Amino acid sequence: MPFSIHPSIMIVLLGLLWLTGSPAQAETSVYELALKGKQCQEDSHQVLECEYRIGRTLYIAITGIGQTDTAITFLKSDENGDFYASIGMRHGCVIVKRNPDLPNLANAFEFAFISPHSGKIYKTWQECGAGR
């Protein structure tokens, strides 16, 4: 006896398969991309400065990391691009975000958090806020 599936059920199944994807096709996490895009150096006064390039549309510099006059500069941040960022007032960290409107983003609501106190990147705001 031949096996048949109603076309609307087939469409739903294919949609679910497309949304879940396979581990081999999983996108790199925001956290991993932030780690890859991080470059730090010390100036002649041993003051640490880090730059973070994430995707095509996010470029952040943090100067004087851990100092009382630390500065966060958004050199490029476009909410219509692939990545953008903001600052969380509760924890004081830079929040790196994917653009949730772009297609094929399985992890659209996943974030990375950058501490201006240490220059380190964290997976949660709680870790970032505590990781001063």
Protein backbone atom coordinates (compact mmCIF):
# COMPACT_ATOMS: atom_id res chain seq x y z
CA MET A 1 0.00 0.00 0.00
CA PRO A 2 1.56 3.32 -1.05
CA PHE A 3 2.24 5.96 1.58
CA SER A 4 1.05 9.53 0.97
CA ILE A 5 1.12 12.75 2.96
CA HIS A 6 -1.30 15.60 2.53
CA PRO A 7 0.51 18.58 0.87
CA SER A 8 -0.22 20.96 3.78
CA ILE A 9 1.33 18.51 6.26
CA MET A 10 4.38 18.16 4.01
CA ILE A 11 4.80 21.95 3.95
CA VAL A 12 4.62 22.12 7.75
CA LEU A 13 7.18 19.31 8.10
CA LEU A 14 9.57 20.94 5.65
CA GLY A 15 9.18 24.27 7.46
CA LEU A 16 10.03 22.66 10.80
CA LEU A 17 13.03 20.93 9.29
CA TRP A 18 14.24 24.23 7.82
CA LEU A 19 13.80 26.08 11.13
CA THR A 20 15.62 23.52 13.24
CA GLY A 21 18.40 22.76 10.77
CA SER A 22 21.16 20.30 11.50
CA PRO A 23 24.10 20.86 13.89
CA ALA A 24 26.46 20.91 10.91
CA GLN A 25 24.59 23.93 9.55
CA ALA A 26 24.25 25.74 12.87
CA GLU A 27 25.39 29.34 12.81
CA THR A 28 28.26 30.53 14.91
CA SER A 29 27.03 32.01 18.20
CA VAL A 30 27.20 35.74 18.87
CA TYR A 31 29.54 34.95 21.76
CA GLU A 32 31.96 33.06 19.47
CA LEU A 33 31.83 35.79 16.81
CA ALA A 34 32.59 38.43 19.45
CA LEU A 35 35.57 36.39 20.70
CA LYS A 36 36.87 36.05 17.14
CA GLY A 37 36.50 39.76 16.49
CA LYS A 38 38.27 40.92 19.67
CA GLN A 39 41.72 42.54 19.48
CA CYS A 40 43.40 44.13 22.51
CA GLN A 41 46.61 46.03 23.10
CA GLU A 42 48.24 48.11 25.82
CA ASP A 43 49.51 51.62 25.22
CA SER A 44 52.84 52.92 26.59
CA HIS A 45 51.17 53.62 29.97
CA GLN A 46 49.90 50.01 30.18
CA VAL A 47 46.32 51.10 29.62
CA LEU A 48 44.32 48.41 27.86
CA GLU A 49 42.28 49.12 24.74
CA CYS A 50 40.17 46.54 22.89
CA GLU A 51 38.39 46.64 19.57
CA TYR A 52 35.54 44.33 18.63
CA ARG A 53 34.54 43.74 15.00
CA ILE A 54 31.46 41.57 14.71
CA GLY A 55 29.87 40.81 11.38
CA ARG A 56 29.85 43.52 8.73
CA THR A 57 28.08 46.25 10.69
CA LEU A 58 29.42 46.32 14.25
CA TYR A 59 32.69 47.91 15.31
CA ILE A 60 33.24 48.93 18.95
CA ALA A 61 36.30 50.29 20.77
CA ILE A 62 36.72 50.34 24.54
CA THR A 63 39.63 52.42 25.82
CA GLY A 64 40.98 52.59 29.34
CA ILE A 65 39.52 49.22 30.29
CA GLY A 66 39.16 48.94 34.05
CA GLN A 67 39.99 52.62 34.57
CA THR A 68 37.73 55.26 36.12
CA ASP A 69 37.55 57.03 32.75
CA THR A 70 36.81 54.03 30.51
CA ALA A 71 35.24 55.04 27.19
CA ILE A 72 33.01 52.94 24.95
CA THR A 73 32.93 54.14 21.34
CA PHE A 74 30.50 52.77 18.78
CA LEU A 75 32.53 53.24 15.62
CA LYS A 76 29.88 51.42 13.61
CA SER A 77 26.55 50.04 14.78
CA ASP A 78 23.63 49.67 12.39
CA GLU A 79 20.37 48.18 13.67
CA ASN A 80 19.47 47.41 10.05
CA GLY A 81 22.75 45.54 9.52
CA ASP A 82 23.72 42.04 10.63
CA PHE A 83 24.78 43.11 14.17
CA TYR A 84 24.33 46.14 16.39
CA ALA A 85 24.90 46.99 20.06
CA SER A 86 23.61 48.95 23.04
CA ILE A 87 24.57 49.42 26.69
CA GLY A 88 22.65 47.78 29.53
CA MET A 89 22.26 50.27 32.35
CA ARG A 90 21.65 47.63 35.04
CA HIS A 91 24.90 45.73 34.42
CA GLY A 92 26.91 48.36 32.51
CA CYS A 93 27.91 45.97 29.74
CA VAL A 94 27.78 46.37 25.97
CA ILE A 95 25.05 44.11 24.57
CA VAL A 96 25.89 42.63 21.15
CA LYS A 97 22.75 41.73 19.18
CA ARG A 98 21.88 40.08 15.89
CA ASN A 99 19.32 41.78 13.69
CA PRO A 100 16.21 39.63 14.29
CA ASP A 101 14.63 40.81 11.03
CA LEU A 102 17.22 39.14 8.81
CA PRO A 103 16.23 35.78 7.32
CA ASN A 104 17.95 32.52 8.23
CA LEU A 105 18.98 33.57 11.73
CA ALA A 106 18.25 30.62 13.98
CA ASN A 107 19.74 32.44 16.98
CA ALA A 108 18.21 35.90 16.47
CA PHE A 109 17.61 36.41 20.20
CA GLU A 110 21.02 35.28 21.41
CA PHE A 111 23.41 37.93 22.74
CA ALA A 112 26.99 38.50 23.86
CA PHE A 113 27.98 40.91 26.63
CA ILE A 114 31.22 42.89 26.77
CA SER A 115 32.50 44.21 30.09
CA PRO A 116 34.11 47.67 30.05
CA HIS A 117 35.70 46.74 33.40
CA SER A 118 37.67 43.75 32.09
CA GLY A 119 37.30 43.74 28.30
CA LYS A 120 36.08 40.14 28.54
CA ILE A 121 33.09 38.75 26.67
CA TYR A 122 30.34 36.86 28.45
CA LYS A 123 27.30 34.80 27.43
CA THR A 124 24.91 36.35 29.98
CA TRP A 125 24.41 39.81 31.46
CA GLN A 126 24.61 38.31 34.96
CA GLU A 127 28.11 36.95 34.28
CA CYS A 128 29.15 40.22 32.68
CA GLY A 129 27.86 42.35 35.55
CA ALA A 130 29.58 40.15 38.12
CA GLY A 131 32.78 39.78 36.08
CA ARG A 132 34.06 43.25 36.76
